[in-house]
Amino acid sequence: MKYLGTAALCVFSTMVQSNDLCMTEERRVAGCELRNGKSVSFCKASDGITTYRYGSVNKLELEVAEQKPDTMLILSESYSKGAAQEYQAQNGNYQYTFIDALNGSMEAPYLLLEMDHRGYDVPWINENTLTHHTVDKYLTVSHSNKGELARLYCQDDDHFYGQPHNQAQYIYILRDTTDKYRTTVPAEIAECQSDAKRCFSIYEDYKQEFAVLHFPAIGNSVYVNDTAYLIKMSSGSMVKLAPEVVNTQNRAQSKGIGTLHLTLDNQQTVIGLETK
């Protein structure tokens, strides 16, 4: 660990961005601006050594360099639905672990199957536009004897519709998987084919930015019985709503298209919903 005095701070005037703690001759391989106003950066030099830094441009609070090249990168993988990287710096008994992951979801194919199953078609929901991903970006501080002490989330950590990182190369496109599941579509629900509104509800918020799709329980439906999904209509991104978030009494009777009221936190995560 390096303790930085006033003279050392002058060097950091060569940093590229206000939330980037790397030198101009270094390459940032991981990091973010945290929600607490600080930043974390893992910076690789030309000799291959990666350095962990925490703080701000004006006040660098911690700096740890790896002893051998590429030992801070402890996980790097990509898969059909996303990708993940994990960096870790060790400072005595303390560990600083940075998680940067993008994950897709298998919920969307089932939602599309259920819509077909119940005889309901929504033009703006289809294989090409309906995607679901979560961005997990955070720093954990742990102690070898005391366990995890803190978890600091990045500004762009988002569990609903955060913008994909890494040039969007790992976004999960649902067309292929949806086509695969379509080969196993079960027999249609007879009561839904005569009146789909009995078996499927749509609620829109008054700004028409979000919609809730609710599937009431049907005895011979095998996919998403009594399930609700919140969808951002401009992008098609979706999240499955927890039962405690939805006012089930108000949505128990299918009424076609209704209105809803959303309560969001400052990261635009839904923390409450009522249908009207």
Protein backbone atom coordinates (compact mmCIF):
# COMPACT_ATOMS: atom_id res chain seq x y z
CA MET A 1 0.00 0.00 0.00
CA LYS A 2 1.24 3.50 -0.84
CA TYR A 3 0.46 6.55 1.25
CA LEU A 4 0.25 9.62 -0.96
CA GLY A 5 1.33 13.05 0.19
CA THR A 6 0.71 16.49 -1.32
CA ALA A 7 3.53 16.17 -3.81
CA ALA A 8 2.17 12.88 -5.12
CA LEU A 9 -1.23 14.41 -5.78
CA CYS A 10 0.29 16.62 -8.48
CA VAL A 11 1.06 13.51 -10.51
CA PHE A 12 -2.59 12.57 -10.58
CA SER A 13 -3.46 15.70 -12.53
CA THR A 14 -2.55 13.55 -15.55
CA MET A 15 -5.56 11.29 -14.96
CA VAL A 16 -7.87 11.10 -17.93
CA GLN A 17 -11.38 11.40 -16.42
CA SER A 18 -12.81 12.63 -13.14
CA ASN A 19 -13.96 9.08 -12.29
CA ASP A 20 -10.83 7.34 -13.64
CA LEU A 21 -7.88 6.99 -11.28
CA CYS A 22 -5.46 5.72 -13.93
CA MET A 23 -2.50 7.64 -15.32
CA THR A 24 -2.50 8.70 -18.96
CA GLU A 25 0.13 6.03 -19.73
CA GLU A 26 -1.99 3.32 -18.08
CA ARG A 27 -5.05 1.48 -19.33
CA ARG A 28 -8.08 1.07 -17.07
CA VAL A 29 -9.14 -2.57 -17.24
CA ALA A 30 -11.93 -2.33 -14.67
CA GLY A 31 -13.61 0.17 -12.38
CA CYS A 32 -16.42 2.65 -12.02
CA GLU A 33 -17.75 5.68 -10.22
CA LEU A 34 -19.35 4.48 -6.99
CA ARG A 35 -22.61 5.70 -5.54
CA ASN A 36 -20.76 7.09 -2.51
CA GLY A 37 -19.04 9.65 -4.76
CA LYS A 38 -15.69 7.84 -4.78
CA SER A 39 -14.15 5.87 -7.65
CA VAL A 40 -12.40 2.54 -8.02
CA SER A 41 -9.95 1.75 -10.83
CA PHE A 42 -7.79 -1.21 -11.78
CA CYS A 43 -5.06 0.21 -14.04
CA LYS A 44 -2.61 -1.79 -16.15
CA ALA A 45 0.83 -0.36 -16.96
CA SER A 46 3.00 -1.17 -19.98
CA ASP A 47 4.95 -3.74 -17.93
CA GLY A 48 1.73 -5.71 -17.32
CA ILE A 49 1.39 -4.80 -13.64
CA THR A 50 -2.12 -3.86 -12.53
CA THR A 51 -2.67 -1.33 -9.74
CA TYR A 52 -5.82 -0.95 -7.63
CA ARG A 53 -6.78 2.60 -6.65
CA TYR A 54 -9.65 3.94 -4.57
CA GLY A 55 -10.72 7.48 -3.81
CA SER A 56 -10.91 10.53 -6.05
CA VAL A 57 -8.57 12.54 -8.24
CA ASN A 58 -8.18 15.11 -5.49
CA LYS A 59 -7.80 12.57 -2.69
CA LEU A 60 -6.44 9.13 -3.49
CA GLU A 61 -7.13 7.00 -0.41
CA LEU A 62 -5.61 3.64 -1.30
CA GLU A 63 -3.25 2.21 -3.91
CA VAL A 64 -2.20 -1.44 -4.15
CA ALA A 65 -0.04 -2.92 -6.94
CA GLU A 66 0.06 -6.63 -7.78
CA GLN A 67 3.36 -8.48 -7.34
CA LYS A 68 3.08 -10.47 -10.58
CA PRO A 69 1.22 -9.54 -13.81
CA ASP A 70 -2.42 -10.62 -14.11
CA THR A 71 -2.78 -11.96 -10.56
CA MET A 72 -5.53 -9.45 -9.69
CA LEU A 73 -7.79 -10.81 -12.44
CA ILE A 74 -9.31 -13.85 -10.73
CA LEU A 75 -12.28 -14.45 -13.05
CA SER A 76 -12.98 -13.68 -16.71
CA GLU A 77 -15.62 -15.57 -18.65
CA SER A 78 -18.25 -15.10 -21.32
CA TYR A 79 -21.26 -17.26 -22.05
CA SER A 80 -24.41 -17.24 -24.16
CA LYS A 81 -26.33 -14.92 -21.83
CA GLY A 82 -23.60 -12.58 -20.68
CA ALA A 83 -20.11 -12.11 -19.29
CA ALA A 84 -18.36 -11.58 -15.99
CA GLN A 85 -15.04 -10.27 -14.75
CA GLU A 86 -13.72 -10.19 -11.20
CA TYR A 87 -10.64 -8.36 -9.94
CA GLN A 88 -9.23 -8.61 -6.44
CA ALA A 89 -6.57 -6.63 -4.59
CA GLN A 90 -5.03 -7.84 -1.33
CA ASN A 91 -3.79 -5.43 1.36
CA GLY A 92 -2.82 -7.31 4.49
CA ASN A 93 -5.97 -8.90 5.91
CA TYR A 94 -8.20 -6.81 3.65
CA GLN A 95 -9.50 -7.82 0.23
CA TYR A 96 -11.00 -5.43 -2.33
CA THR A 97 -13.04 -7.32 -4.91
CA PHE A 98 -14.60 -5.67 -7.96
CA ILE A 99 -17.41 -7.47 -9.80
CA ASP A 100 -18.36 -6.47 -13.35
CA ALA A 101 -21.02 -8.73 -14.85
CA LEU A 102 -23.79 -8.67 -17.45
CA ASN A 103 -26.43 -11.38 -17.23
CA GLY A 104 -29.31 -12.31 -19.48
CA SER A 105 -32.53 -14.03 -18.47
CA MET A 106 -34.50 -17.06 -19.63
CA GLU A 107 -37.80 -15.49 -18.52
CA ALA A 108 -38.65 -13.83 -21.85
CA PRO A 109 -39.13 -17.01 -23.94
CA TYR A 110 -41.56 -18.34 -21.35
CA LEU A 111 -43.45 -15.05 -21.28
CA LEU A 112 -43.82 -15.14 -25.08
CA LEU A 113 -44.97 -18.75 -24.94
CA GLU A 114 -47.55 -17.90 -22.31
CA MET A 115 -48.91 -15.06 -24.45
CA ASP A 116 -49.30 -17.47 -27.37
CA HIS A 117 -50.75 -20.06 -25.03
CA ARG A 118 -53.45 -17.62 -23.91
CA GLY A 119 -54.24 -16.28 -27.37
CA TYR A 120 -53.05 -12.71 -26.75
CA ASP A 121 -50.78 -10.71 -29.05
CA VAL A 122 -49.02 -7.45 -28.13
CA PRO A 123 -47.28 -6.03 -31.24
CA TRP A 124 -44.41 -4.32 -29.40
CA ILE A 125 -43.48 -7.51 -27.53
CA ASN A 126 -41.68 -9.97 -29.79
CA GLU A 127 -38.50 -12.01 -30.13
CA ASN A 128 -36.52 -9.13 -31.61
CA THR A 129 -37.34 -6.45 -29.04
CA LEU A 130 -37.87 -8.26 -25.75
CA THR A 131 -34.55 -8.51 -23.93
CA HIS A 132 -33.72 -8.75 -20.28
CA HIS A 133 -30.33 -8.16 -18.74
CA THR A 134 -28.95 -7.07 -15.43
CA VAL A 135 -25.72 -5.17 -14.86
CA ASP A 136 -23.89 -6.09 -11.64
CA LYS A 137 -21.04 -3.70 -10.87
CA TYR A 138 -19.87 -3.25 -7.29
CA LEU A 139 -16.89 -3.27 -4.95
CA THR A 140 -16.77 -5.40 -1.81
CA VAL A 141 -14.42 -4.84 1.12
CA SER A 142 -13.68 -7.97 3.14
CA HIS A 143 -11.49 -8.97 6.08
CA SER A 144 -9.92 -12.41 6.37
CA ASN A 145 -11.33 -12.88 9.89
CA LYS A 146 -14.43 -10.67 9.86
CA GLY A 147 -15.86 -11.48 6.41
CA GLU A 148 -17.51 -8.89 4.16
CA LEU A 149 -17.46 -5.43 5.69
CA ALA A 150 -19.00 -3.31 2.94
CA ARG A 151 -20.53 -3.51 -0.52
CA LEU A 152 -20.30 -0.35 -2.62
CA TYR A 153 -22.41 -0.25 -5.77
CA CYS A 154 -21.43 1.51 -8.98
CA GLN A 155 -23.52 4.29 -10.45
CA ASP A 156 -24.30 2.09 -13.46
CA ASP A 157 -25.16 -1.05 -11.49
CA ASP A 158 -28.72 -1.71 -12.59
CA HIS A 159 -31.00 -4.67 -12.06
CA PHE A 160 -33.66 -3.62 -14.51
CA TYR A 161 -32.61 -1.83 -17.67
CA GLY A 162 -29.05 -0.64 -17.24
CA GLN A 163 -27.19 0.02 -20.47
CA PRO A 164 -25.04 -2.99 -21.46
CA HIS A 165 -21.30 -2.49 -21.26
CA ASN A 166 -18.46 -3.89 -23.39
CA GLN A 167 -19.90 -2.49 -26.64
CA ALA A 168 -23.08 -4.55 -26.04
CA GLN A 169 -21.29 -7.62 -27.40
CA TYR A 170 -22.78 -9.92 -24.76
CA ILE A 171 -26.43 -8.88 -24.97
CA TYR A 172 -28.53 -12.01 -25.03
CA ILE A 173 -30.67 -12.08 -28.19
CA LEU A 174 -33.77 -14.15 -27.56
CA ARG A 175 -34.82 -15.15 -31.06
CA ASP A 176 -33.03 -18.52 -31.17
CA THR A 177 -34.07 -19.67 -27.73
CA THR A 178 -37.63 -18.51 -28.28
CA ASP A 179 -37.84 -20.51 -31.51
CA LYS A 180 -36.51 -23.54 -29.66
CA TYR A 181 -39.18 -23.27 -26.98
CA ARG A 182 -41.90 -22.71 -29.57
CA THR A 183 -41.50 -26.32 -30.66
CA THR A 184 -42.94 -27.39 -27.30
CA VAL A 185 -46.00 -25.11 -27.18
CA PRO A 186 -48.76 -27.09 -25.39
CA ALA A 187 -52.42 -27.25 -26.30
CA GLU A 188 -54.17 -23.88 -26.18
CA ILE A 189 -56.28 -22.91 -23.19
CA ALA A 190 -59.86 -23.11 -24.46
CA GLU A 191 -61.33 -20.40 -22.22
CA CYS A 192 -58.59 -17.97 -23.21
CA GLN A 193 -59.11 -18.44 -26.92
CA SER A 194 -62.73 -17.29 -26.68
CA ASP A 195 -61.93 -14.26 -24.49
CA ALA A 196 -58.24 -13.56 -23.97
CA LYS A 197 -58.96 -10.68 -21.57
CA ARG A 198 -60.11 -13.23 -19.02
CA CYS A 199 -56.63 -14.77 -19.03
CA PHE A 200 -54.25 -11.87 -19.51
CA SER A 201 -54.09 -8.30 -18.20
CA ILE A 202 -52.07 -5.27 -19.30
CA TYR A 203 -51.61 -2.18 -17.14
CA GLU A 204 -49.83 0.97 -18.34
CA ASP A 205 -48.52 3.82 -16.24
CA TYR A 206 -49.97 7.21 -17.08
CA LYS A 207 -46.77 8.32 -18.84
CA GLN A 208 -46.87 5.13 -20.95
CA GLU A 209 -43.23 4.40 -20.17
CA PHE A 210 -43.88 1.09 -18.42
CA ALA A 211 -46.39 -1.72 -18.69
CA VAL A 212 -47.27 -4.58 -16.39
CA LEU A 213 -48.32 -7.89 -17.91
CA HIS A 214 -50.20 -10.11 -15.50
CA PHE A 215 -51.04 -13.77 -16.09
CA PRO A 216 -53.75 -15.00 -13.69
CA ALA A 217 -53.48 -18.62 -12.59
CA ILE A 218 -54.92 -21.13 -15.08
CA GLY A 219 -55.10 -24.78 -14.14
CA ASN A 220 -53.54 -26.33 -17.26
CA SER A 221 -51.03 -23.59 -17.99
CA VAL A 222 -47.51 -24.77 -17.26
CA TYR A 223 -45.41 -21.60 -17.66
CA VAL A 224 -46.10 -18.45 -15.63
CA ASN A 225 -49.21 -18.98 -13.53
CA ASP A 226 -50.19 -15.92 -11.47
CA THR A 227 -47.08 -14.01 -12.52
CA ALA A 228 -46.53 -10.35 -13.37
CA TYR A 229 -43.80 -8.73 -15.45
CA LEU A 230 -42.82 -5.08 -15.60
CA ILE A 231 -41.65 -3.98 -19.07
CA LYS A 232 -40.03 -0.75 -20.17
CA MET A 233 -41.90 -0.07 -23.41
CA SER A 234 -39.18 1.93 -25.17
CA SER A 235 -36.64 -0.89 -24.96
CA GLY A 236 -38.62 -4.05 -24.21
CA SER A 237 -36.44 -4.81 -21.19
CA MET A 238 -38.30 -6.60 -18.44
CA VAL A 239 -38.20 -7.71 -14.83
CA LYS A 240 -40.30 -10.26 -12.99
CA LEU A 241 -42.18 -8.57 -10.16
CA ALA A 242 -41.95 -9.93 -6.66
CA PRO A 243 -45.37 -10.83 -5.19
CA GLU A 244 -44.98 -8.33 -2.35
CA VAL A 245 -44.44 -5.47 -4.84
CA VAL A 246 -47.70 -5.97 -6.69
CA ASN A 247 -51.08 -5.12 -5.20
CA THR A 248 -52.59 -8.54 -5.89
CA GLN A 249 -56.07 -7.59 -4.71
CA ASN A 250 -56.36 -4.90 -7.38
CA ARG A 251 -55.10 -7.12 -10.19
CA ALA A 252 -56.90 -10.32 -9.28
CA GLN A 253 -59.65 -9.68 -11.83
CA SER A 254 -58.42 -9.40 -15.41
CA LYS A 255 -59.66 -6.16 -16.98
CA GLY A 256 -57.67 -5.80 -20.19
CA ILE A 257 -55.73 -2.53 -20.29
CA GLY A 258 -55.79 -0.52 -17.06
CA THR A 259 -53.57 2.03 -15.36
CA LEU A 260 -50.96 1.65 -12.65
CA HIS A 261 -48.88 3.73 -10.27
CA LEU A 262 -45.16 2.95 -9.86
CA THR A 263 -42.90 3.89 -6.99
CA LEU A 264 -39.21 3.96 -7.98
CA ASP A 265 -36.04 4.57 -6.00
CA ASN A 266 -33.28 6.87 -7.25
CA GLN A 267 -31.84 4.03 -9.33
CA GLN A 268 -35.24 3.55 -11.00
CA THR A 269 -35.76 0.19 -9.35
CA VAL A 270 -39.42 -0.55 -8.69
CA ILE A 271 -40.13 -0.66 -4.97
CA GLY A 272 -43.93 -0.44 -5.13
CA LEU A 273 -46.75 -0.85 -7.63
CA GLU A 274 -50.51 -0.44 -7.51
CA THR A 275 -52.95 -1.11 -10.29
CA LYS A 276 -55.97 1.16 -10.67
